[in-house]
């Protein structure tokens, strides 16, 4: 689906825009994504580099790129610590942490990857009770 969606970090120091036809939106359960997000999985969109541009705050972006990884790198805001989009080591894609989007990207997640690496404590959200606000006990 063709789109034009903006995103930012928590403090809004860094902002970006993705455009064009989006086709990959997935949940990654690998141990690196879990460590970086501090969650059970990362919700990521993948776009080509020509579909991505920084709008502001590039000097406030920090990165971490483990030497032993083939594709994985991370980016974060040096001010607030939020995850930010990062260029894969291959240079063929930009990984967009979906939680940093300011609106609906016009596509929804369609697959889970690296499921063999799921957290041992993982339980699908569909199996849990839902509350509109913090529940009172």
N, C-alpha and C. Protein backbone atom coordinates (compact mmCIF):
# COMPACT_ATOMS: atom_id res chain seq x y z
N UNK A 1 0.84 -1.17 0.00
CA UNK A 1 0.00 0.00 0.00
C UNK A 1 0.89 1.24 0.00
N UNK A 2 0.59 2.21 -0.83
CA UNK A 2 1.35 3.44 -0.90
C UNK A 2 1.03 4.31 0.31
N UNK A 3 2.06 4.90 0.88
CA UNK A 3 1.85 5.68 2.10
C UNK A 3 2.89 6.78 2.24
N UNK A 4 2.66 7.63 3.19
CA UNK A 4 3.57 8.69 3.59
C UNK A 4 3.37 8.82 5.10
N UNK A 5 4.24 8.21 5.88
CA UNK A 5 4.08 8.18 7.32
C UNK A 5 5.31 8.74 8.00
N UNK A 6 5.09 9.51 9.04
CA UNK A 6 6.20 10.09 9.80
C UNK A 6 6.33 9.37 11.14
N UNK A 7 7.50 9.48 11.71
CA UNK A 7 7.76 8.88 13.00
C UNK A 7 8.75 9.72 13.77
N UNK A 8 8.88 9.42 15.05
CA UNK A 8 9.81 10.17 15.89
C UNK A 8 10.15 9.39 17.14
N UNK A 9 11.13 9.90 17.86
CA UNK A 9 11.47 9.33 19.17
C UNK A 9 10.52 9.92 20.22
N UNK A 10 10.65 9.46 21.43
CA UNK A 10 9.77 9.91 22.52
C UNK A 10 9.86 11.41 22.78
N UNK A 11 11.06 11.97 22.76
CA UNK A 11 11.22 13.39 23.05
C UNK A 11 11.04 14.27 21.80
N UNK A 12 10.87 13.65 20.65
CA UNK A 12 10.66 14.31 19.36
C UNK A 12 11.88 15.09 18.87
N UNK A 13 13.04 14.80 19.43
CA UNK A 13 14.29 15.39 18.95
C UNK A 13 14.63 14.88 17.55
N UNK A 14 14.34 13.59 17.33
CA UNK A 14 14.64 12.95 16.04
C UNK A 14 13.32 12.61 15.35
N UNK A 15 13.24 12.90 14.06
CA UNK A 15 12.04 12.59 13.29
C UNK A 15 12.45 12.07 11.91
N UNK A 16 11.58 11.26 11.33
CA UNK A 16 11.84 10.67 10.02
C UNK A 16 10.54 10.52 9.25
N UNK A 17 10.66 10.12 7.99
CA UNK A 17 9.50 9.89 7.14
C UNK A 17 9.76 8.67 6.26
N UNK A 18 8.72 7.85 6.09
CA UNK A 18 8.79 6.75 5.13
C UNK A 18 7.71 6.98 4.08
N UNK A 19 8.03 6.64 2.85
CA UNK A 19 7.11 6.85 1.74
C UNK A 19 7.10 5.62 0.84
N UNK A 20 6.08 5.56 -0.01
CA UNK A 20 6.05 4.52 -1.02
C UNK A 20 5.25 3.30 -0.63
N UNK A 21 5.45 2.26 -1.38
CA UNK A 21 4.72 1.01 -1.22
C UNK A 21 5.39 0.17 -0.13
N UNK A 22 4.70 -0.03 0.98
CA UNK A 22 5.24 -0.83 2.09
C UNK A 22 4.75 -2.25 1.94
N UNK A 23 5.65 -3.21 2.16
CA UNK A 23 5.24 -4.60 1.98
C UNK A 23 5.65 -5.53 3.12
N UNK A 24 6.58 -5.13 3.98
CA UNK A 24 7.02 -6.02 5.06
C UNK A 24 6.80 -5.36 6.41
N UNK A 25 5.99 -6.03 7.22
CA UNK A 25 5.73 -5.61 8.60
C UNK A 25 5.66 -6.91 9.39
N UNK A 26 6.58 -7.11 10.31
CA UNK A 26 6.66 -8.40 10.99
C UNK A 26 7.08 -8.24 12.44
N UNK A 27 6.84 -9.30 13.20
CA UNK A 27 7.30 -9.39 14.58
C UNK A 27 8.53 -10.28 14.59
N UNK A 28 9.62 -9.79 15.17
CA UNK A 28 10.85 -10.57 15.25
C UNK A 28 11.09 -10.99 16.69
N UNK A 29 11.24 -12.30 16.90
CA UNK A 29 11.43 -12.86 18.23
C UNK A 29 12.89 -13.21 18.53
N UNK A 30 13.83 -12.79 17.66
CA UNK A 30 15.24 -13.14 17.90
C UNK A 30 15.73 -12.52 19.21
N UNK A 31 16.75 -13.10 19.77
CA UNK A 31 17.25 -12.63 21.07
C UNK A 31 17.81 -11.21 20.98
N UNK A 32 18.39 -10.82 19.88
CA UNK A 32 18.92 -9.46 19.75
C UNK A 32 17.78 -8.44 19.76
N UNK A 33 16.72 -8.70 19.00
CA UNK A 33 15.58 -7.78 18.99
C UNK A 33 14.93 -7.71 20.37
N UNK A 34 14.84 -8.85 21.06
CA UNK A 34 14.26 -8.85 22.40
C UNK A 34 15.10 -8.02 23.35
N UNK A 35 16.42 -8.18 23.28
CA UNK A 35 17.31 -7.40 24.16
C UNK A 35 17.21 -5.91 23.86
N UNK A 36 17.19 -5.56 22.56
CA UNK A 36 17.16 -4.14 22.19
C UNK A 36 15.86 -3.46 22.58
N UNK A 37 14.73 -4.17 22.38
CA UNK A 37 13.43 -3.56 22.69
C UNK A 37 13.03 -3.73 24.14
N UNK A 38 13.62 -4.71 24.82
CA UNK A 38 13.21 -4.99 26.20
C UNK A 38 11.83 -5.62 26.24
N UNK A 39 11.45 -6.26 25.15
CA UNK A 39 10.10 -6.82 25.03
C UNK A 39 10.18 -8.25 24.49
N UNK A 40 9.02 -8.88 24.34
CA UNK A 40 8.97 -10.25 23.85
C UNK A 40 9.36 -10.35 22.38
N UNK A 41 9.16 -9.28 21.63
CA UNK A 41 9.53 -9.25 20.21
C UNK A 41 9.57 -7.81 19.73
N UNK A 42 10.21 -7.63 18.59
CA UNK A 42 10.25 -6.31 17.96
C UNK A 42 9.20 -6.26 16.86
N UNK A 43 8.50 -5.15 16.75
CA UNK A 43 7.53 -4.92 15.67
C UNK A 43 8.22 -4.03 14.65
N UNK A 44 8.60 -4.61 13.52
CA UNK A 44 9.41 -3.89 12.55
C UNK A 44 8.81 -3.86 11.15
N UNK A 45 8.95 -2.71 10.50
CA UNK A 45 8.69 -2.60 9.07
C UNK A 45 10.04 -2.55 8.39
N UNK A 46 10.13 -3.07 7.20
CA UNK A 46 11.35 -2.97 6.41
C UNK A 46 11.04 -2.18 5.16
N UNK A 47 11.86 -1.18 4.87
CA UNK A 47 11.69 -0.36 3.68
C UNK A 47 13.04 -0.24 2.98
N UNK A 48 13.02 0.10 1.71
CA UNK A 48 14.28 0.32 1.00
C UNK A 48 14.82 1.69 1.41
N UNK A 49 16.13 1.87 1.34
CA UNK A 49 16.72 3.15 1.75
C UNK A 49 16.12 4.36 1.01
N UNK A 50 15.69 4.19 -0.24
CA UNK A 50 15.13 5.33 -0.97
C UNK A 50 13.71 5.68 -0.51
N UNK A 51 13.13 4.87 0.38
CA UNK A 51 11.81 5.16 0.95
C UNK A 51 11.90 5.85 2.31
N UNK A 52 13.11 6.10 2.76
CA UNK A 52 13.34 6.61 4.11
C UNK A 52 14.14 7.90 4.08
N UNK A 53 13.78 8.86 4.94
CA UNK A 53 14.62 10.04 5.12
C UNK A 53 14.45 10.60 6.53
N UNK A 54 15.56 11.08 7.07
CA UNK A 54 15.55 11.77 8.35
C UNK A 54 15.02 13.17 8.12
N UNK A 55 14.14 13.64 8.99
CA UNK A 55 13.61 14.99 8.89
C UNK A 55 14.32 15.95 9.83
N UNK A 56 14.79 15.43 10.97
CA UNK A 56 15.51 16.27 11.93
C UNK A 56 16.22 15.39 12.95
N UNK A 57 17.23 15.97 13.59
CA UNK A 57 17.87 15.34 14.73
C UNK A 57 18.93 14.30 14.45
N UNK A 58 19.46 14.21 13.24
CA UNK A 58 20.45 13.16 12.94
C UNK A 58 21.65 13.18 13.88
N UNK A 59 22.02 14.35 14.37
CA UNK A 59 23.17 14.44 15.28
C UNK A 59 22.86 13.84 16.66
N UNK A 60 21.60 13.58 16.93
CA UNK A 60 21.19 12.99 18.21
C UNK A 60 20.99 11.48 18.13
N UNK A 61 21.44 10.87 17.04
CA UNK A 61 21.27 9.42 16.85
C UNK A 61 22.55 8.69 17.22
N UNK A 62 22.39 7.69 18.07
CA UNK A 62 23.50 6.80 18.41
C UNK A 62 23.25 5.45 17.75
N UNK A 63 24.30 4.68 17.52
CA UNK A 63 24.14 3.35 16.92
C UNK A 63 25.00 2.34 17.68
N UNK A 64 24.61 1.10 17.54
CA UNK A 64 25.39 -0.01 18.06
C UNK A 64 25.33 -1.10 17.00
N UNK A 65 26.50 -1.58 16.58
CA UNK A 65 26.57 -2.56 15.51
C UNK A 65 27.50 -3.70 15.91
N UNK A 66 26.94 -4.78 16.46
CA UNK A 66 27.79 -5.89 16.88
C UNK A 66 28.59 -6.46 15.70
N UNK A 67 29.88 -6.67 15.90
CA UNK A 67 30.76 -7.15 14.82
C UNK A 67 30.33 -8.51 14.28
N UNK A 68 29.77 -9.36 15.15
CA UNK A 68 29.47 -10.73 14.75
C UNK A 68 28.14 -10.89 13.99
N UNK A 69 27.40 -9.80 13.79
CA UNK A 69 26.11 -9.92 13.12
C UNK A 69 26.22 -9.64 11.63
N UNK A 70 25.37 -10.30 10.87
CA UNK A 70 25.35 -10.14 9.41
C UNK A 70 24.51 -8.94 8.99
N UNK A 71 23.37 -8.71 9.64
CA UNK A 71 22.45 -7.64 9.27
C UNK A 71 22.18 -6.66 10.42
N UNK A 72 22.16 -7.16 11.63
CA UNK A 72 21.66 -6.42 12.80
C UNK A 72 22.54 -5.25 13.21
N UNK A 73 21.90 -4.13 13.44
CA UNK A 73 22.47 -2.92 14.02
C UNK A 73 21.33 -2.31 14.83
N UNK A 74 21.62 -1.39 15.69
CA UNK A 74 20.53 -0.67 16.37
C UNK A 74 20.80 0.82 16.28
N UNK A 75 19.76 1.60 16.43
CA UNK A 75 19.88 3.05 16.49
C UNK A 75 18.96 3.53 17.60
N UNK A 76 19.34 4.62 18.23
CA UNK A 76 18.58 5.13 19.36
C UNK A 76 18.81 6.62 19.50
N UNK A 77 17.87 7.29 20.14
CA UNK A 77 18.01 8.71 20.41
C UNK A 77 18.93 8.88 21.61
N UNK A 78 19.96 9.68 21.46
CA UNK A 78 20.91 9.94 22.55
C UNK A 78 20.29 10.79 23.66
N UNK A 79 19.16 11.44 23.38
CA UNK A 79 18.50 12.28 24.37
C UNK A 79 17.56 11.45 25.24
N UNK A 80 16.62 10.71 24.61
CA UNK A 80 15.60 10.00 25.38
C UNK A 80 15.76 8.48 25.38
N UNK A 81 16.65 7.94 24.55
CA UNK A 81 16.90 6.50 24.53
C UNK A 81 15.96 5.68 23.66
N UNK A 82 15.00 6.32 23.01
CA UNK A 82 14.05 5.59 22.17
C UNK A 82 14.74 4.85 21.03
N UNK A 83 14.20 3.70 20.68
CA UNK A 83 14.64 2.99 19.48
C UNK A 83 14.35 3.87 18.27
N UNK A 84 15.19 3.77 17.26
CA UNK A 84 15.00 4.52 16.03
C UNK A 84 15.29 3.63 14.83
N UNK A 85 14.86 4.03 13.65
CA UNK A 85 15.18 3.25 12.45
C UNK A 85 16.68 3.08 12.28
N UNK A 86 17.06 1.93 11.69
CA UNK A 86 18.46 1.66 11.45
C UNK A 86 18.65 1.00 10.09
N UNK A 87 19.80 1.31 9.48
CA UNK A 87 20.15 0.73 8.18
C UNK A 87 20.78 -0.64 8.41
N UNK A 88 20.24 -1.64 7.75
CA UNK A 88 20.81 -2.99 7.85
C UNK A 88 22.23 -2.95 7.29
N UNK A 89 23.10 -3.79 7.81
CA UNK A 89 24.49 -3.82 7.38
C UNK A 89 24.62 -4.07 5.88
N UNK A 90 23.66 -4.78 5.29
CA UNK A 90 23.69 -5.06 3.86
C UNK A 90 23.47 -3.81 3.02
N UNK A 91 22.87 -2.77 3.65
CA UNK A 91 22.56 -1.55 2.93
C UNK A 91 21.31 -1.64 2.07
N UNK A 92 20.64 -2.80 2.09
CA UNK A 92 19.48 -3.03 1.23
C UNK A 92 18.16 -2.64 1.88
N UNK A 93 18.16 -2.41 3.20
CA UNK A 93 16.89 -2.06 3.85
C UNK A 93 17.13 -1.18 5.07
N UNK A 94 16.06 -0.50 5.46
CA UNK A 94 16.03 0.26 6.70
C UNK A 94 14.96 -0.39 7.56
N UNK A 95 15.31 -0.71 8.79
CA UNK A 95 14.38 -1.35 9.71
C UNK A 95 13.74 -0.25 10.55
N UNK A 96 12.41 -0.20 10.50
CA UNK A 96 11.65 0.83 11.20
C UNK A 96 10.97 0.21 12.42
N UNK A 97 11.34 0.59 13.64
CA UNK A 97 10.61 0.11 14.82
C UNK A 97 9.19 0.72 14.78
N UNK A 98 8.19 -0.13 14.63
CA UNK A 98 6.82 0.33 14.42
C UNK A 98 6.30 1.21 15.55
N UNK A 99 6.78 1.01 16.75
CA UNK A 99 6.34 1.82 17.88
C UNK A 99 6.75 3.28 17.77
N UNK A 100 7.65 3.61 16.85
CA UNK A 100 8.08 4.99 16.68
C UNK A 100 7.25 5.73 15.62
N UNK A 101 6.34 5.02 14.96
CA UNK A 101 5.49 5.67 13.95
C UNK A 101 4.49 6.59 14.62
N UNK A 102 4.20 7.71 13.99
CA UNK A 102 3.21 8.67 14.52
C UNK A 102 1.81 8.37 14.02
N UNK A 103 1.66 7.50 13.06
CA UNK A 103 0.35 7.15 12.52
C UNK A 103 0.34 5.73 11.99
N UNK A 104 -0.77 5.35 11.40
CA UNK A 104 -0.91 4.01 10.82
C UNK A 104 -0.15 3.97 9.50
N UNK A 105 0.70 2.97 9.29
CA UNK A 105 1.50 2.93 8.07
C UNK A 105 0.76 2.41 6.84
N UNK A 106 -0.48 2.02 6.99
CA UNK A 106 -1.23 1.50 5.85
C UNK A 106 -0.98 0.02 5.58
N UNK A 107 -0.28 -0.63 6.49
CA UNK A 107 0.00 -2.06 6.41
C UNK A 107 0.01 -2.57 7.84
N UNK A 108 -0.31 -3.84 8.03
CA UNK A 108 -0.31 -4.43 9.37
C UNK A 108 0.62 -5.64 9.39
N UNK A 109 1.07 -6.04 10.58
CA UNK A 109 1.98 -7.19 10.67
C UNK A 109 1.34 -8.43 10.05
N UNK A 110 2.19 -9.22 9.37
CA UNK A 110 1.65 -10.41 8.72
C UNK A 110 2.42 -11.69 9.05
N UNK A 111 3.52 -11.56 9.81
CA UNK A 111 4.25 -12.78 10.17
C UNK A 111 5.10 -12.58 11.41
N UNK A 112 5.45 -13.70 12.04
CA UNK A 112 6.40 -13.76 13.14
C UNK A 112 7.64 -14.46 12.62
N UNK A 113 8.82 -13.91 12.94
CA UNK A 113 10.06 -14.55 12.49
C UNK A 113 10.94 -14.88 13.70
N UNK A 114 11.86 -15.82 13.49
CA UNK A 114 12.77 -16.32 14.53
C UNK A 114 12.00 -16.82 15.75
N UNK A 115 10.94 -17.56 15.48
CA UNK A 115 10.09 -18.09 16.55
C UNK A 115 10.80 -19.13 17.41
N UNK A 116 11.82 -19.78 16.87
CA UNK A 116 12.58 -20.74 17.67
C UNK A 116 13.34 -20.03 18.80
N UNK A 117 13.47 -18.72 18.69
CA UNK A 117 14.16 -17.93 19.71
C UNK A 117 13.21 -17.21 20.65
N UNK A 118 11.92 -17.53 20.60
CA UNK A 118 10.95 -16.84 21.47
C UNK A 118 11.40 -16.88 22.93
N UNK A 119 11.06 -15.83 23.66
CA UNK A 119 11.35 -15.81 25.09
C UNK A 119 10.65 -16.99 25.76
N UNK A 120 11.31 -17.60 26.71
CA UNK A 120 10.73 -18.76 27.38
C UNK A 120 9.43 -18.41 28.10
N UNK A 121 9.26 -17.18 28.48
CA UNK A 121 8.07 -16.73 29.20
C UNK A 121 6.98 -16.17 28.28
N UNK A 122 7.23 -16.16 26.98
CA UNK A 122 6.29 -15.55 26.03
C UNK A 122 4.91 -16.20 26.07
N UNK A 123 3.89 -15.37 26.06
CA UNK A 123 2.51 -15.82 25.96
C UNK A 123 1.82 -14.86 24.99
N UNK A 124 1.11 -15.38 24.01
CA UNK A 124 0.45 -14.54 23.01
C UNK A 124 -0.52 -13.57 23.68
N UNK A 125 -0.53 -12.33 23.22
CA UNK A 125 -1.40 -11.32 23.83
C UNK A 125 -2.88 -11.69 23.72
N UNK A 126 -3.23 -12.47 22.73
CA UNK A 126 -4.63 -12.89 22.57
C UNK A 126 -5.08 -13.82 23.70
N UNK A 127 -4.13 -14.38 24.43
CA UNK A 127 -4.44 -15.27 25.55
C UNK A 127 -4.61 -14.53 26.87
N UNK A 128 -4.37 -13.23 26.88
CA UNK A 128 -4.38 -12.46 28.11
C UNK A 128 -5.62 -11.58 28.22
N UNK A 129 -6.07 -11.27 29.43
CA UNK A 129 -7.20 -10.36 29.60
C UNK A 129 -6.83 -8.96 29.09
N UNK A 130 -7.82 -8.22 28.64
CA UNK A 130 -7.60 -6.85 28.16
C UNK A 130 -8.27 -5.86 29.10
N UNK A 131 -7.59 -4.73 29.34
CA UNK A 131 -8.11 -3.66 30.18
C UNK A 131 -7.91 -2.34 29.43
N UNK A 132 -8.87 -1.47 29.45
CA UNK A 132 -8.73 -0.18 28.78
C UNK A 132 -7.82 0.79 29.53
N UNK A 133 -7.63 0.55 30.82
CA UNK A 133 -6.75 1.36 31.66
C UNK A 133 -6.05 0.43 32.64
N UNK A 134 -5.18 1.00 33.47
CA UNK A 134 -4.50 0.20 34.48
C UNK A 134 -5.54 -0.41 35.41
N UNK A 135 -5.57 -1.75 35.53
CA UNK A 135 -6.59 -2.35 36.39
C UNK A 135 -6.36 -2.07 37.86
N UNK A 136 -7.44 -1.94 38.59
CA UNK A 136 -7.38 -1.72 40.04
C UNK A 136 -7.52 -3.08 40.71
N UNK A 137 -6.62 -3.38 41.60
CA UNK A 137 -6.67 -4.69 42.29
C UNK A 137 -7.24 -4.53 43.66
